[in-house]
Amino acid sequence: MITTRLCVAVLALSAAASALADDCVDVAGQDHPRLQRYADSCLVAHEAKSFDSVTLPTGPIVSRGGERVPERSETVEGRTTRLLYFAPHGRSSLEVLRNYQRSLEQQGFEIAYECAAGDCDGGNGRHMMGAVYPSSRVFNSTSRHAASAFNYNVDDRRYLAARSADGSTWVGLFMAEATQLRLRDKQRVAVHIDVIEREAMEERMVDAREMANSIGESGSVTLENIYFETGSAKLTAQSGAALSETAKLLGDNPGLGLYIVGHTDSVGGYDANLVLSRRRAEAVAAALSASHGIASARVVPAGVGPLAPVASNASEDGRARNRRVELVAR
């Protein structure tokens, strides 16, 4: 009887482990309407922003000034969507790439650049991978699979950049056979996609006077046009105007002290989001002190992670609204 129970327990544990190992289910997010997924792929990571900037290589990687950089590139601003898929087992990078290429060409897209492995950079394609999917762009919090997509024993790297006939939409595809995934079969083609749609930026800049009015009426104001690198607390250059207006607000109101409060959406771990929200608030406070001469005692950073949403986290638009920095009067 004991032996039978032990065998049943072992079999149950083995089945559970197998299920976990082969767990490749879609994360929250949707396929892009202009670029459907390769059949039977799973969506491992998804990110969308209403306005951002993405640089796509349009030529091979070359050595310039001691660095490996694209010989040519296109920097596109607009609505951005990033997707990471795992194709089904047994497919090659070439097969997956050609399917995406055919779909794009049928929609009138023009191929701006394509390369494979060593053709991309005179080596094995890893420098192209570094240009498209550097460590700063790794989806760390979206899926347990995403961080390992291109980490180990990556083979058959391929890249393609394409633009729509009217130039309004750009697509970047990087894919490779990933051979050390946290899946039962270990080997699938990982597909990283950037879609950038040129659109007029929504004008949401709030000047110092409007900030003061909002704080006077409600005690707080959302700091618009503050941007961070993906999954990071590093401010981007586009945040400069918002920081300047915040510094002006403090300069015009010498008796005002602020809490700089970071918020996140609910995607990812709770503890990680708390840490990220605080680090982003700290980055804003540090920039105000270092670049604008604001006394650090006047700007106290805090992070509340996903605890104070202003919209539902069930939609991408809602999650985008929840990822914010607020100024709260002390």
Foldseek 3Di string as FASTA:
>chain_A
DVVVVVVVVVVVVVVVLQCVLADQAEFADDDDPLFDADPPKHWADKAKDQKDKDKAALAAFDADPNDTDRPDIDIAIGIKMKTKIWDDPPDFPVVRVVVRVVSCVVQAKDWSHKDKQCRRYVHGCVVVCCRHPNPLNQPDFFHPFRNQQPPPDWHTWIKTWIAHPVRQKIKIKIKTWQQQTSHPNRTTIMIIMMMGGHDDDDPDADALVNQVVCCVVPQKDFQPQWDDRPLALHTDPSCVVSLVRVLVNCVVPVVWAWEKEFEAAPGGDQVSQQVRRQSNLVSSLVCCCPVVVDPSRRYHYGYDYNPDFPADSSDNVRRNRRGTIMIGTD
